[in-house]
Amino acid sequence: MSAVLALCLLPIFVSAKQLDPVVAMLDAPGVSPKPMRVRVLLPPGYRAHSGVRYPTLYVNDGQDMEAVGLQATLDDLYRHHDIRPMIVVAIDMPQDRMAGYGVSDRAKGVSIAAPTKYGAVGANAQAYSQWLVQSLVPYVDAHWQTRRDADSRWLLGWSLGAINAFSVGWQYPETFGKVGAFSPSFWLSTDSSDAKAVRATRIAHALVETAPPPAYSRFFFAAGDAEEKNDRDGNGIIDVIDDLLDLMNGWTSGDGRTHKGLAQLGYSINSDYGAHADDSAAVFYRLPGGEHNQKSWARMLPAFLQWVDGTRKGMLPRNKSAMKGHSRPRLSADADGKQAPHS
């Protein structure tokens, strides 16, 4: 893989603010006809050749870095000692975002494209996922002082970037130990002919139901309760939250069949993480008044960053969202397959 790296001189001092981002332009065959821009945010006190190694957070849709307040939020959390220092890798979206972000089948080596009214989504998801895992991660590990274990490597995305983050985390647990998915597009399905068909053929749900659980990525899901008005099954819950909770808790189709979610695979579940913090392997953070936009994703960001590697163990952080440590997820010893309530 060829790369052009624009390096800046790294000042030798410790402050509450990060250093200016380092920009890299990386070739991504099969993903983008042009080099992909990656911005690397180094934590306060970072010194080249110091021997100190840091965990790394990779972020899809890095072109939204300013709109979601990524650097400002990190600066604030560092200032208040709410999170530990981390390296953040903001990856600009592929030139064809709809094709690049989606779900892939690692075992078969194929993308699982979803037909939508906007066109096919995820046609290049396999190529993007492989580039991320096999090219970008090794490049970052070779150029910066990173920890090289999955527990210290994380992935975040929103909307289409979120379903891609989930897909990558699910299928590459040896690379990414924690995943954040804000407003994930779990509505993507292989049959979009009507609402019933969409619900029955949701791609992420089929991925969970038909594959053995990974060993073992943890998941932070977040969605706003004002993201949309759609309610395809008429149960009073908007689809973005319904889809998310179905994936976590399992669900029952119209013909009475029960379908596995993360809970039925042994994951411990917290469906109301904002109300009570714990160390469940999959958590849902509901944002009151949250919409499907960068402003709301910015509001979700502090909760996620404190969950992924916060300093206030066993306590609700300042923003009243929750965080826990970075051990492998606790799997429920008594998962009985029952579907948890949606509210």
Protein backbone atom coordinates (compact mmCIF):
# COMPACT_ATOMS: atom_id res chain seq x y z
CA MET A 1 0.00 0.00 0.00
CA SER A 2 1.41 3.35 -0.97
CA ALA A 3 0.85 6.35 1.24
CA VAL A 4 1.67 10.01 1.36
CA LEU A 5 2.02 11.21 4.93
CA ALA A 6 1.94 14.87 5.84
CA LEU A 7 3.85 15.05 9.09
CA CYS A 8 3.93 17.87 11.57
CA LEU A 9 6.57 18.40 14.22
CA LEU A 10 5.28 17.15 17.55
CA PRO A 11 5.89 19.60 20.40
CA ILE A 12 7.34 18.11 23.57
CA PHE A 13 5.01 19.29 26.31
CA VAL A 14 1.99 18.21 28.30
CA SER A 15 -1.24 20.20 28.09
CA ALA A 16 -4.97 19.57 28.31
CA LYS A 17 -5.30 19.95 24.54
CA GLN A 18 -4.44 17.52 21.80
CA LEU A 19 -1.81 18.21 19.21
CA ASP A 20 -2.81 19.32 15.72
CA PRO A 21 -4.04 16.42 13.61
CA VAL A 22 -1.58 14.55 11.41
CA VAL A 23 -2.95 14.01 7.90
CA ALA A 24 -2.35 10.89 5.82
CA MET A 25 -3.60 10.19 2.28
CA LEU A 26 -3.91 6.43 1.80
CA ASP A 27 -4.64 4.39 -1.30
CA ALA A 28 -7.75 2.21 -0.93
CA PRO A 29 -8.15 -0.07 -3.98
CA GLY A 30 -11.71 -1.26 -4.45
CA VAL A 31 -12.97 1.37 -2.05
CA SER A 32 -12.10 4.74 -3.58
CA PRO A 33 -10.54 5.81 -6.89
CA LYS A 34 -8.73 8.56 -5.01
CA PRO A 35 -6.58 8.29 -1.87
CA MET A 36 -8.59 8.37 1.36
CA ARG A 37 -7.90 11.17 3.83
CA VAL A 38 -7.20 10.05 7.37
CA ARG A 39 -6.61 12.48 10.26
CA VAL A 40 -4.78 11.22 13.33
CA LEU A 41 -5.48 13.06 16.60
CA LEU A 42 -2.69 12.54 19.12
CA PRO A 43 -3.45 12.86 22.83
CA PRO A 44 -2.03 15.46 25.23
CA GLY A 45 1.55 14.71 26.15
CA TYR A 46 2.17 12.42 23.21
CA ARG A 47 5.89 12.13 22.56
CA ALA A 48 7.43 10.19 19.74
CA HIS A 49 9.81 7.46 20.93
CA SER A 50 8.74 7.86 24.56
CA GLY A 51 7.90 4.17 24.92
CA VAL A 52 4.34 4.98 26.03
CA ARG A 53 1.67 3.22 23.97
CA TYR A 54 -1.94 4.30 23.62
CA PRO A 55 -5.30 2.72 22.76
CA THR A 56 -6.73 3.75 19.39
CA LEU A 57 -10.23 4.81 18.37
CA TYR A 58 -11.07 4.61 14.65
CA VAL A 59 -13.99 6.76 13.48
CA ASN A 60 -15.99 6.33 10.26
CA ASP A 61 -17.24 9.50 8.54
CA GLY A 62 -14.19 11.44 9.68
CA GLN A 63 -15.20 14.35 7.43
CA ASP A 64 -17.83 15.06 10.12
CA MET A 65 -15.12 15.50 12.77
CA GLU A 66 -15.77 19.23 13.17
CA ALA A 67 -19.57 18.94 12.91
CA VAL A 68 -19.76 16.40 15.75
CA GLY A 69 -17.24 18.33 17.85
CA LEU A 70 -14.84 15.40 18.11
CA GLN A 71 -11.71 17.35 18.97
CA ALA A 72 -13.51 19.80 21.26
CA THR A 73 -15.20 16.95 23.15
CA LEU A 74 -11.91 15.12 23.60
CA ASP A 75 -10.28 18.34 24.85
CA ASP A 76 -13.06 18.86 27.41
CA LEU A 77 -12.91 15.27 28.67
CA TYR A 78 -9.12 15.42 28.93
CA ARG A 79 -9.35 18.74 30.79
CA HIS A 80 -11.62 17.17 33.39
CA HIS A 81 -9.64 13.89 33.49
CA ASP A 82 -12.76 11.95 32.48
CA ILE A 83 -11.00 9.76 29.91
CA ARG A 84 -7.55 8.32 29.47
CA PRO A 85 -5.33 9.49 26.60
CA MET A 86 -6.08 7.79 23.29
CA ILE A 87 -5.09 8.11 19.65
CA VAL A 88 -8.08 8.90 17.41
CA VAL A 89 -8.07 8.05 13.69
CA ALA A 90 -10.79 9.95 11.79
CA ILE A 91 -11.39 8.32 8.39
CA ASP A 92 -13.12 10.37 5.72
CA MET A 93 -16.02 8.57 4.08
CA PRO A 94 -15.36 6.68 0.84
CA GLN A 95 -16.06 8.68 -2.30
CA ASP A 96 -19.14 6.51 -2.79
CA ARG A 97 -20.36 6.46 0.80
CA MET A 98 -23.46 4.37 0.14
CA ALA A 99 -21.40 1.66 -1.53
CA GLY A 100 -18.60 1.65 1.04
CA TYR A 101 -20.63 1.59 4.25
CA GLY A 102 -22.77 -1.45 4.91
CA VAL A 103 -22.56 -5.09 5.93
CA SER A 104 -20.24 -7.77 4.60
CA ASP A 105 -19.86 -11.51 5.10
CA ARG A 106 -16.26 -12.15 6.11
CA ALA A 107 -16.51 -15.93 5.82
CA LYS A 108 -17.76 -15.75 2.24
CA GLY A 109 -15.70 -12.69 1.36
CA VAL A 110 -18.66 -10.79 -0.10
CA SER A 111 -20.64 -7.62 0.47
CA ILE A 112 -24.31 -7.90 1.39
CA ALA A 113 -25.90 -5.11 -0.64
CA ALA A 114 -29.26 -3.69 0.41
CA PRO A 115 -31.65 -2.37 -2.27
CA THR A 116 -33.13 0.98 -1.21
CA LYS A 117 -34.97 3.86 -2.87
CA TYR A 118 -31.61 5.65 -2.91
CA GLY A 119 -29.90 2.76 -4.72
CA ALA A 120 -27.90 -0.23 -3.48
CA VAL A 121 -26.19 0.29 -0.12
CA GLY A 122 -23.08 -1.62 0.91
CA ALA A 123 -21.92 -2.89 -2.48
CA ASN A 124 -18.28 -2.23 -1.49
CA ALA A 125 -18.63 -3.03 2.20
CA GLN A 126 -16.37 -6.07 2.02
CA ALA A 127 -13.60 -4.07 0.31
CA TYR A 128 -13.90 -1.25 2.85
CA SER A 129 -13.90 -3.60 5.82
CA GLN A 130 -10.82 -5.43 4.54
CA TRP A 131 -9.02 -2.15 3.82
CA LEU A 132 -9.78 -0.91 7.31
CA VAL A 133 -8.59 -4.08 9.03
CA GLN A 134 -5.77 -5.22 6.75
CA SER A 135 -4.30 -1.91 5.54
CA LEU A 136 -5.24 1.06 7.72
CA VAL A 137 -4.82 -0.58 11.13
CA PRO A 138 -1.34 -1.97 10.32
CA TYR A 139 -0.35 1.43 8.88
CA VAL A 140 -1.40 3.27 12.04
CA ASP A 141 0.29 0.67 14.25
CA ALA A 142 3.52 1.08 12.25
CA HIS A 143 3.59 4.89 12.47
CA TRP A 144 2.32 5.68 15.97
CA GLN A 145 2.76 4.30 19.45
CA THR A 146 -0.34 2.15 19.66
CA ARG A 147 -1.31 -0.81 21.75
CA ARG A 148 -1.75 -3.77 19.44
CA ASP A 149 -4.49 -5.79 21.22
CA ALA A 150 -8.20 -5.76 20.41
CA ASP A 151 -9.16 -4.56 23.89
CA SER A 152 -7.24 -1.36 23.13
CA ARG A 153 -8.58 -0.82 19.61
CA TRP A 154 -12.09 0.55 19.04
CA LEU A 155 -14.38 1.60 16.17
CA LEU A 156 -17.15 4.23 16.02
CA GLY A 157 -19.66 5.23 13.36
CA TRP A 158 -23.04 6.91 12.87
CA SER A 159 -25.91 6.15 10.51
CA LEU A 160 -24.55 4.06 7.59
CA GLY A 161 -21.11 4.33 9.18
CA ALA A 162 -22.61 2.81 12.33
CA ILE A 163 -23.99 -0.34 10.69
CA ASN A 164 -20.59 -0.74 9.04
CA ALA A 165 -18.85 -0.33 12.40
CA PHE A 166 -21.12 -2.99 13.88
CA SER A 167 -20.45 -5.35 10.97
CA VAL A 168 -16.68 -4.90 11.24
CA GLY A 169 -16.68 -5.27 15.03
CA TRP A 170 -18.87 -8.36 14.84
CA GLN A 171 -16.73 -10.10 12.24
CA TYR A 172 -13.26 -8.92 13.25
CA PRO A 173 -13.25 -9.21 17.07
CA GLU A 174 -9.54 -9.97 17.02
CA THR A 175 -9.01 -6.43 15.69
CA PHE A 176 -11.69 -4.31 17.40
CA GLY A 177 -12.73 -5.04 20.98
CA LYS A 178 -15.27 -2.23 21.39
CA VAL A 179 -17.71 -0.69 18.92
CA GLY A 180 -19.88 2.40 19.07
CA ALA A 181 -22.90 2.67 16.74
CA PHE A 182 -24.87 5.95 16.81
CA SER A 183 -28.25 5.91 15.01
CA PRO A 184 -27.30 2.71 13.20
CA SER A 185 -29.02 1.93 9.89
CA PHE A 186 -30.25 -1.44 11.07
CA TRP A 187 -33.25 -1.05 8.74
CA LEU A 188 -31.10 -2.15 5.79
CA SER A 189 -32.66 -5.32 4.37
CA THR A 190 -32.44 -7.60 1.37
CA ASP A 191 -36.14 -7.18 0.55
CA SER A 192 -37.56 -3.67 0.65
CA SER A 193 -40.85 -4.43 -1.10
CA ASP A 194 -42.97 -3.56 1.94
CA ALA A 195 -42.68 -2.92 5.67
CA LYS A 196 -43.21 -6.57 6.59
CA ALA A 197 -40.49 -7.69 4.17
CA VAL A 198 -38.06 -5.09 5.49
CA ARG A 199 -38.50 -6.28 9.06
CA ALA A 200 -38.15 -9.94 8.07
CA THR A 201 -34.95 -9.48 6.04
CA ARG A 202 -32.91 -6.96 8.05
CA ILE A 203 -29.29 -7.70 7.23
CA ALA A 204 -27.66 -6.98 10.59
CA HIS A 205 -30.24 -9.08 12.40
CA ALA A 206 -29.63 -12.02 10.05
CA LEU A 207 -25.89 -11.63 10.64
CA VAL A 208 -26.41 -12.03 14.37
CA GLU A 209 -28.93 -14.86 14.10
CA THR A 210 -27.01 -17.03 11.65
CA ALA A 211 -23.44 -16.60 12.88
CA PRO A 212 -21.72 -17.75 16.06
CA PRO A 213 -21.03 -14.89 18.46
CA PRO A 214 -17.58 -13.33 18.23
CA ALA A 215 -15.17 -13.64 21.10
CA TYR A 216 -16.08 -11.01 22.16
CA SER A 217 -16.55 -7.43 21.00
CA ARG A 218 -18.56 -5.09 23.22
CA PHE A 219 -21.17 -2.74 21.77
CA PHE A 220 -22.39 0.75 22.67
CA PHE A 221 -25.57 1.54 20.76
CA ALA A 222 -27.14 5.00 20.83
CA ALA A 223 -30.20 6.54 19.21
CA GLY A 224 -32.42 9.56 19.71
CA ASP A 225 -36.11 9.27 20.46
CA ALA A 226 -36.96 11.96 17.87
CA GLU A 227 -34.98 10.60 14.91
CA GLU A 228 -38.03 9.74 12.82
CA LYS A 229 -41.77 9.10 12.91
CA ASN A 230 -41.74 5.74 11.09
CA ASP A 231 -43.22 2.80 13.01
CA ARG A 232 -43.54 -0.07 10.53
CA ASP A 233 -44.98 -2.60 13.01
CA GLY A 234 -47.31 -0.16 14.78
CA ASN A 235 -46.02 -0.87 18.28
CA GLY A 236 -45.52 2.77 19.23
CA ILE A 237 -41.71 2.67 18.96
CA ILE A 238 -39.91 4.41 16.12
CA ASP A 239 -38.08 2.06 13.80
CA VAL A 240 -34.51 3.12 14.61
CA ILE A 241 -34.99 2.17 18.26
CA ASP A 242 -37.14 -0.87 17.49
CA ASP A 243 -34.52 -2.24 15.08
CA LEU A 244 -31.77 -1.65 17.59
CA LEU A 245 -33.57 -3.31 20.49
CA ASP A 246 -34.63 -6.25 18.29
CA LEU A 247 -30.97 -6.84 17.46
CA MET A 248 -30.04 -6.70 21.14
CA ASN A 249 -32.96 -8.61 22.68
CA GLY A 250 -34.25 -10.85 19.90
CA TRP A 251 -37.64 -10.47 18.27
CA THR A 252 -40.79 -12.29 17.17
CA SER A 253 -41.95 -12.16 13.55
CA GLY A 254 -45.54 -11.96 12.39
CA ASP A 255 -45.72 -15.73 11.93
CA GLY A 256 -44.87 -16.27 15.60
CA ARG A 257 -41.26 -17.34 15.02
CA THR A 258 -38.70 -16.15 17.52
CA HIS A 259 -35.41 -14.79 16.25
CA LYS A 260 -32.15 -14.59 18.13
CA GLY A 261 -30.54 -11.36 19.17
CA LEU A 262 -27.39 -10.70 21.15
CA ALA A 263 -29.13 -11.72 24.38
CA GLN A 264 -29.89 -15.21 23.05
CA LEU A 265 -26.21 -15.61 22.14
CA GLY A 266 -25.22 -15.00 25.74
CA TYR A 267 -24.53 -11.27 25.73
CA SER A 268 -25.48 -9.41 28.87
CA ILE A 269 -27.81 -6.56 27.87
CA ASN A 270 -28.54 -3.11 29.27
CA SER A 271 -31.44 -1.55 27.37
CA ASP A 272 -31.42 1.72 29.35
CA TYR A 273 -27.78 2.63 29.90
CA GLY A 274 -28.49 6.30 30.50
CA ALA A 275 -30.55 5.43 33.57
CA HIS A 276 -28.14 2.97 35.16
CA ALA A 277 -24.55 2.16 34.33
CA ASP A 278 -23.19 -1.36 34.37
CA ASP A 279 -20.65 -3.51 32.56
CA SER A 280 -23.04 -5.28 30.20
CA ALA A 281 -21.55 -6.49 26.92
CA ALA A 282 -24.14 -4.60 24.84
CA VAL A 283 -25.71 -1.34 26.02
CA PHE A 284 -28.29 1.09 24.62
CA TYR A 285 -28.02 4.81 25.33
CA ARG A 286 -31.26 6.64 24.48
CA LEU A 287 -30.81 10.37 23.80
CA PRO A 288 -33.90 12.39 24.78
CA GLY A 289 -34.92 14.63 21.89
CA GLY A 290 -32.09 13.24 19.76
CA GLU A 291 -32.46 13.54 16.00
CA HIS A 292 -30.68 11.91 13.06
CA ASN A 293 -27.98 14.55 12.64
CA GLN A 294 -24.47 15.58 13.65
CA LYS A 295 -25.73 17.80 16.46
CA SER A 296 -27.29 14.81 18.22
CA TRP A 297 -24.28 12.57 17.54
CA ALA A 298 -22.15 15.25 19.20
CA ARG A 299 -24.37 14.91 22.28
CA MET A 300 -23.88 11.12 22.28
CA LEU A 301 -20.12 11.39 21.98
CA PRO A 302 -19.18 12.14 25.63
CA ALA A 303 -21.16 9.16 26.88
CA PHE A 304 -19.48 6.86 24.40
CA LEU A 305 -15.95 8.12 25.06
CA GLN A 306 -16.41 7.69 28.81
CA TRP A 307 -17.85 4.21 28.26
CA VAL A 308 -14.96 3.18 26.05
CA ASP A 309 -12.15 4.23 28.42
CA GLY A 310 -13.31 6.55 31.16
CA THR A 311 -11.63 7.16 34.49
CA ARG A 312 -14.62 7.24 36.84
CA LYS A 313 -15.11 3.57 37.56
CA GLY A 314 -18.43 2.69 39.11
CA MET A 315 -19.68 6.29 38.91
CA LEU A 316 -21.93 8.24 36.58
CA PRO A 317 -19.72 10.81 34.86
CA ARG A 318 -20.46 14.50 34.72
CA ASN A 319 -22.86 14.21 31.78
CA LYS A 320 -24.90 11.54 33.62
CA SER A 321 -24.22 8.91 31.01
CA ALA A 322 -22.30 5.81 31.90
CA MET A 323 -18.92 4.27 31.32
CA LYS A 324 -17.07 1.15 32.26
CA GLY A 325 -13.65 -0.32 31.80
CA HIS A 326 -11.95 -2.20 29.02
CA SER A 327 -12.08 -5.85 29.97
CA ARG A 328 -13.65 -8.50 27.75
CA PRO A 329 -17.44 -8.43 27.96
CA ARG A 330 -19.30 -10.25 30.67
CA LEU A 331 -21.44 -12.93 29.06
CA SER A 332 -24.63 -13.86 30.81
CA ALA A 333 -24.48 -17.29 32.41
CA ASP A 334 -28.25 -17.68 32.43
CA ALA A 335 -29.45 -16.25 29.12
CA ASP A 336 -32.84 -17.88 28.74
CA GLY A 337 -33.87 -16.55 25.36
CA LYS A 338 -36.71 -14.39 26.70
CA GLN A 339 -37.27 -11.10 24.92
CA ALA A 340 -36.78 -8.08 27.10
CA PRO A 341 -39.46 -5.35 27.00
CA HIS A 342 -38.87 -2.48 24.58
CA SER A 343 -39.53 0.26 27.08
